[in-house]
Amino acid sequence: MQKQKRYETLVEQIVERWAEGKPANQMPGSTSTKPCGYYRLTNYLLEYMLLHNAFPAGVHAMPEGRDRFNQVEPSFPVDFDSLIGDAEFPG
């Protein structure tokens, strides 16, 4: 649990960088100000870091998701090399 808390702030910073310039979720009925995929990417990155004790490298496909209305949100690629850049993994 302590490790998760340490990673959460860093994950939020990384995902916020990814979200910059992307429009808010355009799905009908959405009240989120975050882009489509924001929460899937957040969960994916945090789970990856907890499991592997490292950042993901290369391009990973985010899985399809479902919004709160059970509508499909498509898969999308994320290039973690460019997204993470020279950030250091917390020790």
PDB file of N, CA and C in Angstrom:
ATOM      1  N   MET A   1       0.816  -1.197   0.000  1.00  0.00           N
ATOM      2  CA  MET A   1       0.000   0.000   0.000  1.00  0.00           C
ATOM      3  C   MET A   1       0.859   1.260   0.000  1.00  0.00           C
ATOM      4  N   GLN A   2       1.957   1.219   0.739  1.00  0.00           N
ATOM      5  CA  GLN A   2       2.855   2.366   0.793  1.00  0.00           C
ATOM      6  C   GLN A   2       3.471   2.639  -0.580  1.00  0.00           C
ATOM      7  N   LYS A   3       3.835   1.556  -1.271  1.00  0.00           N
ATOM      8  CA  LYS A   3       4.402   1.700  -2.606  1.00  0.00           C
ATOM      9  C   LYS A   3       3.377   2.331  -3.540  1.00  0.00           C
ATOM     10  N   GLN A   4       2.132   1.905  -3.448  1.00  0.00           N
ATOM     11  CA  GLN A   4       1.077   2.441  -4.311  1.00  0.00           C
ATOM     12  C   GLN A   4       0.922   3.945  -4.095  1.00  0.00           C
ATOM     13  N   LYS A   5       0.906   4.381  -2.868  1.00  0.00           N
ATOM     14  CA  LYS A   5       0.785   5.818  -2.566  1.00  0.00           C
ATOM     15  C   LYS A   5       1.942   6.595  -3.185  1.00  0.00           C
ATOM     16  N   ARG A   6       3.145   6.018  -3.110  1.00  0.00           N
ATOM     17  CA  ARG A   6       4.331   6.681  -3.674  1.00  0.00           C
ATOM     18  C   ARG A   6       4.189   6.853  -5.182  1.00  0.00           C
ATOM     19  N   TYR A   7       3.607   5.849  -5.846  1.00  0.00           N
ATOM     20  CA  TYR A   7       3.494   5.884  -7.298  1.00  0.00           C
ATOM     21  C   TYR A   7       2.334   6.747  -7.795  1.00  0.00           C
ATOM     22  N   GLU A   8       1.292   6.881  -7.004  1.00  0.00           N
ATOM     23  CA  GLU A   8       0.068   7.542  -7.482  1.00  0.00           C
ATOM     24  C   GLU A   8       0.303   8.968  -7.951  1.00  0.00           C
ATOM     25  N   THR A   9       1.088   9.748  -7.225  1.00  0.00           N
ATOM     26  CA  THR A   9       1.355  11.128  -7.616  1.00  0.00           C
ATOM     27  C   THR A   9       2.101  11.178  -8.943  1.00  0.00           C
ATOM     28  N   LEU A  10       3.095  10.329  -9.101  1.00  0.00           N
ATOM     29  CA  LEU A  10       3.857  10.283 -10.344  1.00  0.00           C
ATOM     30  C   LEU A  10       2.975   9.856 -11.511  1.00  0.00           C
ATOM     31  N   VAL A  11       2.138   8.855 -11.302  1.00  0.00           N
ATOM     32  CA  VAL A  11       1.225   8.389 -12.350  1.00  0.00           C
ATOM     33  C   VAL A  11       0.297   9.529 -12.758  1.00  0.00           C
ATOM     34  N   GLU A  12      -0.234  10.244 -11.796  1.00  0.00           N
ATOM     35  CA  GLU A  12      -1.126  11.361 -12.106  1.00  0.00           C
ATOM     36  C   GLU A  12      -0.413  12.410 -12.953  1.00  0.00           C
ATOM     37  N   GLN A  13       0.824  12.730 -12.612  1.00  0.00           N
ATOM     38  CA  GLN A  13       1.592  13.714 -13.382  1.00  0.00           C
ATOM     39  C   GLN A  13       1.811  13.238 -14.815  1.00  0.00           C
ATOM     40  N   ILE A  14       2.148  11.972 -14.984  1.00  0.00           N
ATOM     41  CA  ILE A  14       2.406  11.424 -16.312  1.00  0.00           C
ATOM     42  C   ILE A  14       1.127  11.433 -17.146  1.00  0.00           C
ATOM     43  N   VAL A  15       0.023  10.994 -16.560  1.00  0.00           N
ATOM     44  CA  VAL A  15      -1.239  10.926 -17.299  1.00  0.00           C
ATOM     45  C   VAL A  15      -1.761  12.330 -17.604  1.00  0.00           C
ATOM     46  N   GLU A  16      -1.550  13.276 -16.712  1.00  0.00           N
ATOM     47  CA  GLU A  16      -1.943  14.664 -16.996  1.00  0.00           C
ATOM     48  C   GLU A  16      -1.156  15.212 -18.195  1.00  0.00           C
ATOM     49  N   ARG A  17       0.121  14.854 -18.297  1.00  0.00           N
ATOM     50  CA  ARG A  17       0.916  15.258 -19.473  1.00  0.00           C
ATOM     51  C   ARG A  17       0.320  14.667 -20.737  1.00  0.00           C
ATOM     52  N   TRP A  18      -0.067  13.395 -20.673  1.00  0.00           N
ATOM     53  CA  TRP A  18      -0.695  12.727 -21.818  1.00  0.00           C
ATOM     54  C   TRP A  18      -1.996  13.433 -22.204  1.00  0.00           C
ATOM     55  N   ALA A  19      -2.752  13.895 -21.223  1.00  0.00           N
ATOM     56  CA  ALA A  19      -4.070  14.494 -21.448  1.00  0.00           C
ATOM     57  C   ALA A  19      -4.009  15.918 -22.011  1.00  0.00           C
ATOM     58  N   GLU A  20      -2.871  16.574 -21.886  1.00  0.00           N
ATOM     59  CA  GLU A  20      -2.759  17.962 -22.343  1.00  0.00           C
ATOM     60  C   GLU A  20      -3.149  18.086 -23.809  1.00  0.00           C
ATOM     61  N   GLY A  21      -4.056  19.017 -24.076  1.00  0.00           N
ATOM     62  CA  GLY A  21      -4.464  19.298 -25.451  1.00  0.00           C
ATOM     63  C   GLY A  21      -5.512  18.352 -26.006  1.00  0.00           C
ATOM     64  N   LYS A  22      -5.861  17.324 -25.257  1.00  0.00           N
ATOM     65  CA  LYS A  22      -6.898  16.394 -25.718  1.00  0.00           C
ATOM     66  C   LYS A  22      -8.261  16.904 -25.238  1.00  0.00           C
ATOM     67  N   PRO A  23      -9.295  16.762 -26.064  1.00  0.00           N
ATOM     68  CA  PRO A  23     -10.612  17.243 -25.650  1.00  0.00           C
ATOM     69  C   PRO A  23     -11.206  16.369 -24.548  1.00  0.00           C
ATOM     70  N   ALA A  24     -12.103  16.971 -23.774  1.00  0.00           N
ATOM     71  CA  ALA A  24     -12.821  16.206 -22.741  1.00  0.00           C
ATOM     72  C   ALA A  24     -13.619  15.107 -23.416  1.00  0.00           C
ATOM     73  N   ASN A  25     -13.940  14.081 -22.662  1.00  0.00           N
ATOM     74  CA  ASN A  25     -14.706  12.950 -23.178  1.00  0.00           C
ATOM     75  C   ASN A  25     -15.960  13.454 -23.895  1.00  0.00           C
ATOM     76  N   GLN A  26     -16.111  13.075 -25.166  1.00  0.00           N
ATOM     77  CA  GLN A  26     -17.215  13.540 -25.995  1.00  0.00           C
ATOM     78  C   GLN A  26     -18.388  12.571 -26.044  1.00  0.00           C
ATOM     79  N   MET A  27     -18.317  11.485 -25.278  1.00  0.00           N
ATOM     80  CA  MET A  27     -19.399  10.499 -25.299  1.00  0.00           C
ATOM     81  C   MET A  27     -20.675  11.141 -24.770  1.00  0.00           C
ATOM     82  N   PRO A  28     -21.805  10.823 -25.385  1.00  0.00           N
ATOM     83  CA  PRO A  28     -23.077  11.394 -24.915  1.00  0.00           C
ATOM     84  C   PRO A  28     -23.305  11.078 -23.431  1.00  0.00           C
ATOM     85  N   GLY A  29     -23.682  12.095 -22.681  1.00  0.00           N
ATOM     86  CA  GLY A  29     -23.964  11.923 -21.262  1.00  0.00           C
ATOM     87  C   GLY A  29     -22.758  12.035 -20.349  1.00  0.00           C
ATOM     88  N   SER A  30     -21.567  12.143 -20.921  1.00  0.00           N
ATOM     89  CA  SER A  30     -20.368  12.231 -20.089  1.00  0.00           C
ATOM     90  C   SER A  30     -20.296  13.593 -19.412  1.00  0.00           C
ATOM     91  N   THR A  31     -19.946  13.578 -18.148  1.00  0.00           N
ATOM     92  CA  THR A  31     -19.751  14.821 -17.401  1.00  0.00           C
ATOM     93  C   THR A  31     -18.279  15.021 -17.046  1.00  0.00           C
ATOM     94  N   SER A  32     -17.435  14.132 -17.536  1.00  0.00           N
ATOM     95  CA  SER A  32     -16.015  14.186 -17.211  1.00  0.00           C
ATOM     96  C   SER A  32     -15.328  15.300 -17.995  1.00  0.00           C
ATOM     97  N   THR A  33     -14.386  15.946 -17.345  1.00  0.00           N
ATOM     98  CA  THR A  33     -13.555  16.938 -18.023  1.00  0.00           C
ATOM     99  C   THR A  33     -12.267  16.308 -18.538  1.00  0.00           C
ATOM    100  N   LYS A  34     -12.100  15.016 -18.316  1.00  0.00           N
ATOM    101  CA  LYS A  34     -10.902  14.282 -18.738  1.00  0.00           C
ATOM    102  C   LYS A  34     -11.140  13.661 -20.109  1.00  0.00           C
ATOM    103  N   PRO A  35     -10.087  13.484 -20.901  1.00  0.00           N
ATOM    104  CA  PRO A  35     -10.259  12.844 -22.207  1.00  0.00           C
ATOM    105  C   PRO A  35     -10.597  11.363 -22.076  1.00  0.00           C
ATOM    106  N   CYS A  36     -11.205  10.842 -23.096  1.00  0.00           N
ATOM    107  CA  CYS A  36     -11.536   9.418 -23.156  1.00  0.00           C
ATOM    108  C   CYS A  36     -10.243   8.620 -22.978  1.00  0.00           C
ATOM    109  N   GLY A  37     -10.248   7.646 -22.101  1.00  0.00           N
ATOM    110  CA  GLY A  37      -9.071   6.817 -21.852  1.00  0.00           C
ATOM    111  C   GLY A  37      -8.239   7.249 -20.669  1.00  0.00           C
ATOM    112  N   TYR A  38      -8.528   8.408 -20.099  1.00  0.00           N
ATOM    113  CA  TYR A  38      -7.731   8.945 -18.993  1.00  0.00           C
ATOM    114  C   TYR A  38      -7.648   7.959 -17.823  1.00  0.00           C
ATOM    115  N   TYR A  39      -8.781   7.460 -17.401  1.00  0.00           N
ATOM    116  CA  TYR A  39      -8.802   6.589 -16.226  1.00  0.00           C
ATOM    117  C   TYR A  39      -8.258   5.196 -16.544  1.00  0.00           C
ATOM    118  N   ARG A  40      -8.472   4.723 -17.776  1.00  0.00           N
ATOM    119  CA  ARG A  40      -7.875   3.435 -18.157  1.00  0.00           C
ATOM    120  C   ARG A  40      -6.368   3.533 -18.157  1.00  0.00           C
ATOM    121  N   LEU A  41      -5.830   4.623 -18.713  1.00  0.00           N
ATOM    122  CA  LEU A  41      -4.382   4.814 -18.732  1.00  0.00           C
ATOM    123  C   LEU A  41      -3.843   4.940 -17.306  1.00  0.00           C
ATOM    124  N   THR A  42      -4.534   5.676 -16.460  1.00  0.00           N
ATOM    125  CA  THR A  42      -4.105   5.833 -15.065  1.00  0.00           C
ATOM    126  C   THR A  42      -4.021   4.478 -14.378  1.00  0.00           C
ATOM    127  N   ASN A  43      -5.073   3.687 -14.502  1.00  0.00           N
ATOM    128  CA  ASN A  43      -5.095   2.365 -13.857  1.00  0.00           C
ATOM    129  C   ASN A  43      -4.041   1.438 -14.450  1.00  0.00           C
ATOM    130  N   TYR A  44      -3.908   1.447 -15.781  1.00  0.00           N
ATOM    131  CA  TYR A  44      -2.942   0.581 -16.454  1.00  0.00           C
ATOM    132  C   TYR A  44      -1.525   0.911 -15.967  1.00  0.00           C
ATOM    133  N   LEU A  45      -1.184   2.188 -15.971  1.00  0.00           N
ATOM    134  CA  LEU A  45       0.169   2.588 -15.604  1.00  0.00           C
ATOM    135  C   LEU A  45       0.463   2.257 -14.142  1.00  0.00           C
ATOM    136  N   LEU A  46      -0.463   2.545 -13.256  1.00  0.00           N
ATOM    137  CA  LEU A  46      -0.248   2.240 -11.844  1.00  0.00           C
ATOM    138  C   LEU A  46      -0.099   0.735 -11.624  1.00  0.00           C
ATOM    139  N   GLU A  47      -0.970  -0.050 -12.220  1.00  0.00           N
ATOM    140  CA  GLU A  47      -0.884  -1.507 -12.063  1.00  0.00           C
ATOM    141  C   GLU A  47       0.419  -2.052 -12.636  1.00  0.00           C
ATOM    142  N   TYR A  48       0.836  -1.526 -13.783  1.00  0.00           N
ATOM    143  CA  TYR A  48       2.092  -1.972 -14.401  1.00  0.00           C
ATOM    144  C   TYR A  48       3.264  -1.679 -13.464  1.00  0.00           C
ATOM    145  N   MET A  49       3.313  -0.465 -12.936  1.00  0.00           N
ATOM    146  CA  MET A  49       4.415  -0.082 -12.063  1.00  0.00           C
ATOM    147  C   MET A  49       4.443  -0.932 -10.791  1.00  0.00           C
ATOM    148  N   LEU A  50       3.277  -1.209 -10.226  1.00  0.00           N
ATOM    149  CA  LEU A  50       3.220  -2.030  -9.017  1.00  0.00           C
ATOM    150  C   LEU A  50       3.673  -3.463  -9.287  1.00  0.00           C
ATOM    151  N   LEU A  51       3.307  -3.993 -10.443  1.00  0.00           N
ATOM    152  CA  LEU A  51       3.643  -5.373 -10.782  1.00  0.00           C
ATOM    153  C   LEU A  51       5.106  -5.543 -11.177  1.00  0.00           C
ATOM    154  N   HIS A  52       5.641  -4.587 -11.958  1.00  0.00           N
ATOM    155  CA  HIS A  52       6.978  -4.743 -12.539  1.00  0.00           C
ATOM    156  C   HIS A  52       8.059  -3.904 -11.858  1.00  0.00           C
ATOM    157  N   ASN A  53       7.667  -3.011 -10.957  1.00  0.00           N
ATOM    158  CA  ASN A  53       8.630  -2.094 -10.333  1.00  0.00           C
ATOM    159  C   ASN A  53       9.467  -1.363 -11.368  1.00  0.00           C
ATOM    160  N   ALA A  54       8.792  -0.941 -12.434  1.00  0.00           N
ATOM    161  CA  ALA A  54       9.448  -0.211 -13.520  1.00  0.00           C
ATOM    162  C   ALA A  54       8.371   0.476 -14.346  1.00  0.00           C
ATOM    163  N   PHE A  55       8.818   1.440 -15.164  1.00  0.00           N
ATOM    164  CA  PHE A  55       7.914   2.046 -16.137  1.00  0.00           C
ATOM    165  C   PHE A  55       7.748   1.098 -17.317  1.00  0.00           C
ATOM    166  N   PRO A  56       6.594   1.127 -17.983  1.00  0.00           N
ATOM    167  CA  PRO A  56       6.482   0.385 -19.236  1.00  0.00           C
ATOM    168  C   PRO A  56       7.355   1.060 -20.299  1.00  0.00           C
ATOM    169  N   ALA A  57       7.800   0.283 -21.263  1.00  0.00           N
ATOM    170  CA  ALA A  57       8.623   0.821 -22.354  1.00  0.00           C
ATOM    171  C   ALA A  57       7.955   0.490 -23.675  1.00  0.00           C
ATOM    172  N   GLY A  58       8.164   1.353 -24.658  1.00  0.00           N
ATOM    173  CA  GLY A  58       7.602   1.120 -25.980  1.00  0.00           C
ATOM    174  C   GLY A  58       6.121   1.443 -26.037  1.00  0.00           C
ATOM    175  N   VAL A  59       5.471   0.925 -27.069  1.00  0.00           N
ATOM    176  CA  VAL A  59       4.058   1.194 -27.298  1.00  0.00           C
ATOM    177  C   VAL A  59       3.217   0.064 -26.706  1.00  0.00           C
ATOM    178  N   HIS A  60       2.230   0.434 -25.918  1.00  0.00           N
ATOM    179  CA  HIS A  60       1.291  -0.513 -25.328  1.00  0.00           C
ATOM    180  C   HIS A  60      -0.117  -0.114 -25.770  1.00  0.00           C
ATOM    181  N   ALA A  61      -0.935  -1.093 -26.066  1.00  0.00           N
ATOM    182  CA  ALA A  61      -2.330  -0.835 -26.404  1.00  0.00           C
ATOM    183  C   ALA A  61      -3.154  -0.828 -25.125  1.00  0.00           C
ATOM    184  N   MET A  62      -3.843   0.275 -24.890  1.00  0.00           N
ATOM    185  CA  MET A  62      -4.763   0.318 -23.762  1.00  0.00           C
ATOM    186  C   MET A  62      -5.973  -0.527 -24.133  1.00  0.00           C
ATOM    187  N   PRO A  63      -6.465  -1.303 -23.210  1.00  0.00           N
ATOM    188  CA  PRO A  63      -7.608  -2.168 -23.525  1.00  0.00           C
ATOM    189  C   PRO A  63      -8.873  -1.348 -23.769  1.00  0.00           C
ATOM    190  N   GLU A  64      -9.814  -1.962 -24.497  1.00  0.00           N
ATOM    191  CA  GLU A  64     -11.119  -1.333 -24.627  1.00  0.00           C
ATOM    192  C   GLU A  64     -11.694  -1.149 -23.244  1.00  0.00           C
ATOM    193  N   GLY A  65     -12.544  -0.158 -23.116  1.00  0.00           N
ATOM    194  CA  GLY A  65     -13.182   0.068 -21.832  1.00  0.00           C
ATOM    195  C   GLY A  65     -14.667   0.276 -21.999  1.00  0.00           C
ATOM    196  N   ARG A  66     -15.318   0.456 -20.900  1.00  0.00           N
ATOM    197  CA  ARG A  66     -16.750   0.762 -20.882  1.00  0.00           C
ATOM    198  C   ARG A  66     -16.944   1.965 -19.981  1.00  0.00           C
ATOM    199  N   ASP A  67     -17.748   2.911 -20.457  1.00  0.00           N
ATOM    200  CA  ASP A  67     -18.041   4.060 -19.625  1.00  0.00           C
ATOM    201  C   ASP A  67     -19.162   3.738 -18.652  1.00  0.00           C
ATOM    202  N   ARG A  68     -19.573   4.713 -17.895  1.00  0.00           N
ATOM    203  CA  ARG A  68     -20.589   4.452 -16.870  1.00  0.00           C
ATOM    204  C   ARG A  68     -21.952   4.116 -17.459  1.00  0.00           C
ATOM    205  N   PHE A  69     -22.115   4.344 -18.773  1.00  0.00           N
ATOM    206  CA  PHE A  69     -23.358   3.979 -19.457  1.00  0.00           C
ATOM    207  C   PHE A  69     -23.213   2.663 -20.201  1.00  0.00           C
ATOM    208  N   ASN A  70     -22.087   1.971 -19.957  1.00  0.00           N
ATOM    209  CA  ASN A  70     -21.766   0.690 -20.573  1.00  0.00           C
ATOM    210  C   ASN A  70     -21.517   0.802 -22.082  1.00  0.00           C
ATOM    211  N   GLN A  71     -21.164   1.993 -22.535  1.00  0.00           N
ATOM    212  CA  GLN A  71     -20.804   2.187 -23.941  1.00  0.00           C
ATOM    213  C   GLN A  71     -19.323   1.869 -24.107  1.00  0.00           C
ATOM    214  N   VAL A  72     -18.993   1.231 -25.233  1.00  0.00           N
ATOM    215  CA  VAL A  72     -17.603   0.840 -25.484  1.00  0.00           C
ATOM    216  C   VAL A  72     -16.741   2.062 -25.743  1.00  0.00           C
ATOM    217  N   GLU A  73     -15.595   2.090 -25.089  1.00  0.00           N
ATOM    218  CA  GLU A  73     -14.565   3.083 -25.376  1.00  0.00           C
ATOM    219  C   GLU A  73     -13.427   2.330 -26.052  1.00  0.00           C
ATOM    220  N   PRO A  74     -13.002   2.782 -27.232  1.00  0.00           N
ATOM    221  CA  PRO A  74     -12.044   2.014 -28.024  1.00  0.00           C
ATOM    222  C   PRO A  74     -10.651   1.930 -27.396  1.00  0.00           C
ATOM    223  N   SER A  75      -9.946   0.893 -27.789  1.00  0.00           N
ATOM    224  CA  SER A  75      -8.544   0.738 -27.429  1.00  0.00           C
ATOM    225  C   SER A  75      -7.747   1.858 -28.105  1.00  0.00           C
ATOM    226  N   PHE A  76      -6.598   2.199 -27.539  1.00  0.00           N
ATOM    227  CA  PHE A  76      -5.735   3.210 -28.148  1.00  0.00           C
ATOM    228  C   PHE A  76      -4.288   2.928 -27.758  1.00  0.00           C
ATOM    229  N   PRO A  77      -3.346   3.279 -28.634  1.00  0.00           N
ATOM    230  CA  PRO A  77      -1.931   3.032 -28.322  1.00  0.00           C
ATOM    231  C   PRO A  77      -1.343   4.171 -27.487  1.00  0.00           C
ATOM    232  N   VAL A  78      -0.405   3.814 -26.621  1.00  0.00           N
ATOM    233  CA  VAL A  78       0.338   4.806 -25.847  1.00  0.00           C
ATOM    234  C   VAL A  78       1.821   4.488 -25.986  1.00  0.00           C
ATOM    235  N   ASP A  79       2.591   5.473 -26.424  1.00  0.00           N
ATOM    236  CA  ASP A  79       4.042   5.326 -26.529  1.00  0.00           C
ATOM    237  C   ASP A  79       4.651   5.794 -25.205  1.00  0.00           C
ATOM    238  N   PHE A  80       4.966   4.851 -24.347  1.00  0.00           N
ATOM    239  CA  PHE A  80       5.466   5.199 -23.025  1.00  0.00           C
ATOM    240  C   PHE A  80       6.871   5.785 -23.066  1.00  0.00           C
ATOM    241  N   ASP A  81       7.662   5.444 -24.062  1.00  0.00           N
ATOM    242  CA  ASP A  81       9.005   6.024 -24.152  1.00  0.00           C
ATOM    243  C   ASP A  81       8.921   7.542 -24.274  1.00  0.00           C
ATOM    244  N   SER A  82       8.049   8.023 -25.167  1.00  0.00           N
ATOM    245  CA  SER A  82       7.938   9.477 -25.335  1.00  0.00           C
ATOM    246  C   SER A  82       7.140  10.110 -24.202  1.00  0.00           C
ATOM    247  N   LEU A  83       6.161   9.406 -23.669  1.00  0.00           N
ATOM    248  CA  LEU A  83       5.347   9.962 -22.593  1.00  0.00           C
ATOM    249  C   LEU A  83       6.138  10.120 -21.300  1.00  0.00           C
ATOM    250  N   ILE A  84       6.903   9.126 -20.947  1.00  0.00           N
ATOM    251  CA  ILE A  84       7.638   9.157 -19.682  1.00  0.00           C
ATOM    252  C   ILE A  84       8.918   9.971 -19.814  1.00  0.00           C
ATOM    253  N   GLY A  85       9.507   9.937 -20.993  1.00  0.00           N
ATOM    254  CA  GLY A  85      10.725  10.733 -21.216  1.00  0.00           C
ATOM    255  C   GLY A  85      11.838  10.320 -20.289  1.00  0.00           C
ATOM    256  N   ASP A  86      12.438  11.305 -19.615  1.00  0.00           N
ATOM    257  CA  ASP A  86      13.584  11.012 -18.750  1.00  0.00           C
ATOM    258  C   ASP A  86      13.193  10.954 -17.270  1.00  0.00           C
ATOM    259  N   ALA A  87      11.909  10.756 -16.994  1.00  0.00           N
ATOM    260  CA  ALA A  87      11.481  10.644 -15.593  1.00  0.00           C
ATOM    261  C   ALA A  87      12.180   9.456 -14.933  1.00  0.00           C
ATOM    262  N   GLU A  88      12.538   9.608 -13.692  1.00  0.00           N
ATOM    263  CA  GLU A  88      13.197   8.541 -12.962  1.00  0.00           C
ATOM    264  C   GLU A  88      12.179   7.757 -12.165  1.00  0.00           C
ATOM    265  N   PHE A  89      12.336   6.441 -12.207  1.00  0.00           N
ATOM    266  CA  PHE A  89      11.430   5.578 -11.454  1.00  0.00           C
ATOM    267  C   PHE A  89      11.732   5.740  -9.969  1.00  0.00           C
ATOM    268  N   PRO A  90      10.685   5.920  -9.159  1.00  0.00           N
ATOM    269  CA  PRO A  90      10.937   6.115  -7.719  1.00  0.00           C
ATOM    270  C   PRO A  90      11.532   4.868  -7.069  1.00  0.00           C
ATOM    271  N   GLY A  91      12.504   5.077  -6.210  1.00  0.00           N
ATOM    272  CA  GLY A  91      13.198   3.963  -5.564  1.00  0.00           C
ATOM    273  C   GLY A  91      12.537   3.425  -4.342  1.00  0.00           C
TER     274      GLY A  91
END
